[in-house]
């Protein structure tokens, strides 16, 4: 999980619910302080952008599994992040801006359906081509989601 507050530039990257990196308010400088995320922009997960909307090559992609991607209009505490790890997001969460359940049956092979009130449609693409896992047995772990 990644959480960021524009007004202060404070940001925290969590890995398995534990703080992996912090910027602002400490040893690292603030991240994008005072910046905003524009409507109709590109949100790219699992790769770097070499230009707006253009993913990097195969050496920069995320190699792993994601479950439930959510964007919220609030900063999450470590307790919030740890609590969210144990549930699937539905789109009814307070201040949800985008909710992409990565294991939903109504996804097409190249689209992600936003379950938040925004109702956005995301492209699911990459090289190598990613795959969606339908609810049931997870191809990566052999477990039934959630599998945190």
C-alpha atoms as a PDB file:
ATOM      1  CA  UNK A   1       0.000   0.000   0.000  1.00  0.00           C
ATOM      2  CA  UNK A   2       1.079   3.575  -0.613  1.00  0.00           C
ATOM      3  CA  UNK A   3      -0.366   6.591   1.167  1.00  0.00           C
ATOM      4  CA  UNK A   4       0.405  10.264   0.423  1.00  0.00           C
ATOM      5  CA  UNK A   5      -0.801  13.606   1.718  1.00  0.00           C
ATOM      6  CA  UNK A   6      -0.374  16.423  -0.801  1.00  0.00           C
ATOM      7  CA  UNK A   7      -0.356  19.329   1.669  1.00  0.00           C
ATOM      8  CA  UNK A   8       2.653  17.984   3.602  1.00  0.00           C
ATOM      9  CA  UNK A   9       4.275  15.706   1.044  1.00  0.00           C
ATOM     10  CA  UNK A  10       4.358  12.981   3.698  1.00  0.00           C
ATOM     11  CA  UNK A  11       4.127   9.526   2.134  1.00  0.00           C
ATOM     12  CA  UNK A  12       4.514   5.968   3.348  1.00  0.00           C
ATOM     13  CA  UNK A  13       5.015   2.765   1.378  1.00  0.00           C
ATOM     14  CA  UNK A  14       3.847  -0.365   3.205  1.00  0.00           C
ATOM     15  CA  UNK A  15       4.866  -3.926   2.386  1.00  0.00           C
ATOM     16  CA  UNK A  16       2.776  -6.655   4.018  1.00  0.00           C
ATOM     17  CA  UNK A  17       1.376  -4.023   6.399  1.00  0.00           C
ATOM     18  CA  UNK A  18       4.798  -2.857   7.594  1.00  0.00           C
ATOM     19  CA  UNK A  19       6.467   0.478   6.782  1.00  0.00           C
ATOM     20  CA  UNK A  20       8.985  -0.083   3.978  1.00  0.00           C
ATOM     21  CA  UNK A  21       9.745   3.573   3.086  1.00  0.00           C
ATOM     22  CA  UNK A  22       8.764   7.038   4.331  1.00  0.00           C
ATOM     23  CA  UNK A  23       9.208  10.460   2.722  1.00  0.00           C
ATOM     24  CA  UNK A  24       8.639  13.838   4.378  1.00  0.00           C
ATOM     25  CA  UNK A  25       8.624  14.549   8.082  1.00  0.00           C
ATOM     26  CA  UNK A  26      11.938  12.776   8.589  1.00  0.00           C
ATOM     27  CA  UNK A  27      15.179  11.852   6.871  1.00  0.00           C
ATOM     28  CA  UNK A  28      13.713  11.774   3.346  1.00  0.00           C
ATOM     29  CA  UNK A  29      12.426  14.931   1.611  1.00  0.00           C
ATOM     30  CA  UNK A  30       8.658  15.354   1.025  1.00  0.00           C
ATOM     31  CA  UNK A  31       7.113  13.648  -2.007  1.00  0.00           C
ATOM     32  CA  UNK A  32       5.216  15.865  -4.499  1.00  0.00           C
ATOM     33  CA  UNK A  33       4.272  18.387  -1.807  1.00  0.00           C
ATOM     34  CA  UNK A  34       1.407  20.638  -2.940  1.00  0.00           C
ATOM     35  CA  UNK A  35       0.789  18.623  -6.118  1.00  0.00           C
ATOM     36  CA  UNK A  36      -2.566  17.127  -7.082  1.00  0.00           C
ATOM     37  CA  UNK A  37      -3.822  14.200  -9.113  1.00  0.00           C
ATOM     38  CA  UNK A  38      -5.764  15.511 -12.093  1.00  0.00           C
ATOM     39  CA  UNK A  39      -9.055  14.048 -13.294  1.00  0.00           C
ATOM     40  CA  UNK A  40      -8.842  11.881 -16.436  1.00  0.00           C
ATOM     41  CA  UNK A  41      -5.177  11.173 -15.796  1.00  0.00           C
ATOM     42  CA  UNK A  42      -3.364   7.873 -16.101  1.00  0.00           C
ATOM     43  CA  UNK A  43      -2.856   5.644 -13.072  1.00  0.00           C
ATOM     44  CA  UNK A  44      -0.246   3.034 -13.873  1.00  0.00           C
ATOM     45  CA  UNK A  45       0.344   0.213 -11.411  1.00  0.00           C
ATOM     46  CA  UNK A  46       3.104  -2.323 -11.624  1.00  0.00           C
ATOM     47  CA  UNK A  47       5.428  -0.453 -14.002  1.00  0.00           C
ATOM     48  CA  UNK A  48       7.174   2.869 -14.465  1.00  0.00           C
ATOM     49  CA  UNK A  49       5.902   5.443 -16.943  1.00  0.00           C
ATOM     50  CA  UNK A  50       8.477   6.473 -19.536  1.00  0.00           C
ATOM     51  CA  UNK A  51       5.986   9.137 -20.709  1.00  0.00           C
ATOM     52  CA  UNK A  52       2.393   9.832 -19.581  1.00  0.00           C
ATOM     53  CA  UNK A  53       0.459   6.620 -20.240  1.00  0.00           C
ATOM     54  CA  UNK A  54       3.465   4.766 -21.673  1.00  0.00           C
ATOM     55  CA  UNK A  55       4.774   1.836 -19.616  1.00  0.00           C
ATOM     56  CA  UNK A  56       8.439   0.957 -19.342  1.00  0.00           C
ATOM     57  CA  UNK A  57       9.839  -2.289 -20.701  1.00  0.00           C
ATOM     58  CA  UNK A  58       9.856  -5.794 -19.312  1.00  0.00           C
ATOM     59  CA  UNK A  59      12.762  -5.034 -16.965  1.00  0.00           C
ATOM     60  CA  UNK A  60      10.685  -2.449 -15.045  1.00  0.00           C
ATOM     61  CA  UNK A  61       7.449  -4.372 -14.559  1.00  0.00           C
ATOM     62  CA  UNK A  62       6.057  -5.729 -11.289  1.00  0.00           C
ATOM     63  CA  UNK A  63       6.505  -9.492 -11.070  1.00  0.00           C
ATOM     64  CA  UNK A  64       3.969 -10.753  -8.557  1.00  0.00           C
ATOM     65  CA  UNK A  65       0.289 -10.753  -7.686  1.00  0.00           C
ATOM     66  CA  UNK A  66      -2.049  -7.904  -6.688  1.00  0.00           C
ATOM     67  CA  UNK A  67      -5.407  -8.150  -5.034  1.00  0.00           C
ATOM     68  CA  UNK A  68      -7.882  -5.286  -4.779  1.00  0.00           C
ATOM     69  CA  UNK A  69      -6.453  -1.943  -5.880  1.00  0.00           C
ATOM     70  CA  UNK A  70      -8.069   1.029  -4.156  1.00  0.00           C
ATOM     71  CA  UNK A  71      -7.554   4.784  -4.394  1.00  0.00           C
ATOM     72  CA  UNK A  72      -9.038   6.891  -1.613  1.00  0.00           C
ATOM     73  CA  UNK A  73      -9.372  10.583  -0.900  1.00  0.00           C
ATOM     74  CA  UNK A  74      -7.751  10.226   2.526  1.00  0.00           C
ATOM     75  CA  UNK A  75      -4.500   9.155   4.152  1.00  0.00           C
ATOM     76  CA  UNK A  76      -4.377   5.642   5.626  1.00  0.00           C
ATOM     77  CA  UNK A  77      -2.639   4.898   8.920  1.00  0.00           C
ATOM     78  CA  UNK A  78      -0.664   1.684   9.372  1.00  0.00           C
ATOM     79  CA  UNK A  79      -3.633   0.278  11.323  1.00  0.00           C
ATOM     80  CA  UNK A  80      -5.947   1.147   8.394  1.00  0.00           C
ATOM     81  CA  UNK A  81      -3.616  -0.607   5.942  1.00  0.00           C
ATOM     82  CA  UNK A  82      -3.338  -3.706   8.113  1.00  0.00           C
ATOM     83  CA  UNK A  83      -7.135  -3.871   8.493  1.00  0.00           C
ATOM     84  CA  UNK A  84      -7.707  -3.506   4.736  1.00  0.00           C
ATOM     85  CA  UNK A  85      -5.328  -6.386   4.062  1.00  0.00           C
ATOM     86  CA  UNK A  86      -7.792  -8.829   5.584  1.00  0.00           C
ATOM     87  CA  UNK A  87     -10.808  -7.951   3.440  1.00  0.00           C
ATOM     88  CA  UNK A  88     -11.807  -7.457  -0.171  1.00  0.00           C
ATOM     89  CA  UNK A  89     -12.764  -3.930  -1.190  1.00  0.00           C
ATOM     90  CA  UNK A  90     -16.354  -3.493  -2.405  1.00  0.00           C
ATOM     91  CA  UNK A  91     -16.509   0.146  -3.541  1.00  0.00           C
ATOM     92  CA  UNK A  92     -18.701   1.228  -0.637  1.00  0.00           C
ATOM     93  CA  UNK A  93     -15.738   2.222   1.556  1.00  0.00           C
ATOM     94  CA  UNK A  94     -15.672   5.830   2.818  1.00  0.00           C
ATOM     95  CA  UNK A  95     -13.949   8.250   0.446  1.00  0.00           C
ATOM     96  CA  UNK A  96     -13.277   5.589  -2.214  1.00  0.00           C
ATOM     97  CA  UNK A  97     -12.259   7.155  -5.536  1.00  0.00           C
ATOM     98  CA  UNK A  98     -11.324   3.975  -7.454  1.00  0.00           C
ATOM     99  CA  UNK A  99     -11.792   0.338  -6.423  1.00  0.00           C
ATOM    100  CA  UNK A 100     -10.528  -2.350  -8.779  1.00  0.00           C
ATOM    101  CA  UNK A 101     -11.142  -5.853  -7.390  1.00  0.00           C
ATOM    102  CA  UNK A 102      -8.551  -7.895  -9.257  1.00  0.00           C
ATOM    103  CA  UNK A 103     -10.497 -11.120  -8.716  1.00  0.00           C
ATOM    104  CA  UNK A 104     -13.973 -10.203  -9.934  1.00  0.00           C
ATOM    105  CA  UNK A 105     -15.871 -12.436 -12.309  1.00  0.00           C
ATOM    106  CA  UNK A 106     -17.355  -9.655 -14.451  1.00  0.00           C
ATOM    107  CA  UNK A 107     -13.966  -8.396 -15.634  1.00  0.00           C
ATOM    108  CA  UNK A 108     -13.175  -8.830 -19.270  1.00  0.00           C
ATOM    109  CA  UNK A 109      -9.695 -10.049 -20.128  1.00  0.00           C
ATOM    110  CA  UNK A 110      -8.481  -6.496 -20.815  1.00  0.00           C
ATOM    111  CA  UNK A 111     -10.729  -4.312 -18.601  1.00  0.00           C
ATOM    112  CA  UNK A 112     -10.991  -3.587 -14.894  1.00  0.00           C
ATOM    113  CA  UNK A 113     -14.388  -2.430 -13.662  1.00  0.00           C
ATOM    114  CA  UNK A 114     -14.268   0.235 -10.958  1.00  0.00           C
ATOM    115  CA  UNK A 115     -16.652  -0.623  -8.105  1.00  0.00           C
ATOM    116  CA  UNK A 116     -16.509   2.865  -6.520  1.00  0.00           C
ATOM    117  CA  UNK A 117     -19.131   5.568  -7.208  1.00  0.00           C
ATOM    118  CA  UNK A 118     -16.764   6.886  -9.921  1.00  0.00           C
ATOM    119  CA  UNK A 119     -17.524   3.843 -12.120  1.00  0.00           C
ATOM    120  CA  UNK A 120     -14.325   4.111 -14.190  1.00  0.00           C
ATOM    121  CA  UNK A 121     -13.105   1.479 -16.626  1.00  0.00           C
ATOM    122  CA  UNK A 122      -9.425   0.567 -16.476  1.00  0.00           C
ATOM    123  CA  UNK A 123      -7.294  -1.107 -19.106  1.00  0.00           C
ATOM    124  CA  UNK A 124      -5.591  -4.290 -17.993  1.00  0.00           C
ATOM    125  CA  UNK A 125      -2.544  -4.642 -20.179  1.00  0.00           C
ATOM    126  CA  UNK A 126       1.179  -5.240 -20.201  1.00  0.00           C
ATOM    127  CA  UNK A 127       4.064  -7.199 -21.586  1.00  0.00           C
ATOM    128  CA  UNK A 128       4.116  -9.945 -20.559  1.00  0.00           C
ATOM    129  CA  UNK A 129       0.320  -9.978 -20.621  1.00  0.00           C
ATOM    130  CA  UNK A 130      -1.180 -10.022 -17.106  1.00  0.00           C
ATOM    131  CA  UNK A 131      -3.950 -12.403 -16.170  1.00  0.00           C
ATOM    132  CA  UNK A 132      -6.954 -11.941 -13.929  1.00  0.00           C
ATOM    133  CA  UNK A 133      -7.753 -14.577 -11.352  1.00  0.00           C
ATOM    134  CA  UNK A 134     -11.441 -15.398 -10.965  1.00  0.00           C
ATOM    135  CA  UNK A 135     -12.655 -15.984  -7.402  1.00  0.00           C
ATOM    136  CA  UNK A 136     -11.877 -19.479  -6.286  1.00  0.00           C
ATOM    137  CA  UNK A 137      -8.436 -21.006  -6.254  1.00  0.00           C
ATOM    138  CA  UNK A 138      -5.555 -18.617  -6.801  1.00  0.00           C
ATOM    139  CA  UNK A 139      -3.138 -19.658  -9.531  1.00  0.00           C
ATOM    140  CA  UNK A 140      -0.197 -18.196  -7.561  1.00  0.00           C
ATOM    141  CA  UNK A 141      -0.775 -19.599  -4.088  1.00  0.00           C
ATOM    142  CA  UNK A 142      -3.393 -22.348  -4.455  1.00  0.00           C
ATOM    143  CA  UNK A 143      -5.403 -20.560  -1.738  1.00  0.00           C
ATOM    144  CA  UNK A 144      -8.842 -18.994  -1.861  1.00  0.00           C
ATOM    145  CA  UNK A 145      -8.794 -15.150  -1.703  1.00  0.00           C
ATOM    146  CA  UNK A 146      -8.254 -13.161   0.407  1.00  0.00           C
ATOM    147  CA  UNK A 147      -4.736 -14.522   0.706  1.00  0.00           C
ATOM    148  CA  UNK A 148      -2.741 -11.891   2.593  1.00  0.00           C
END
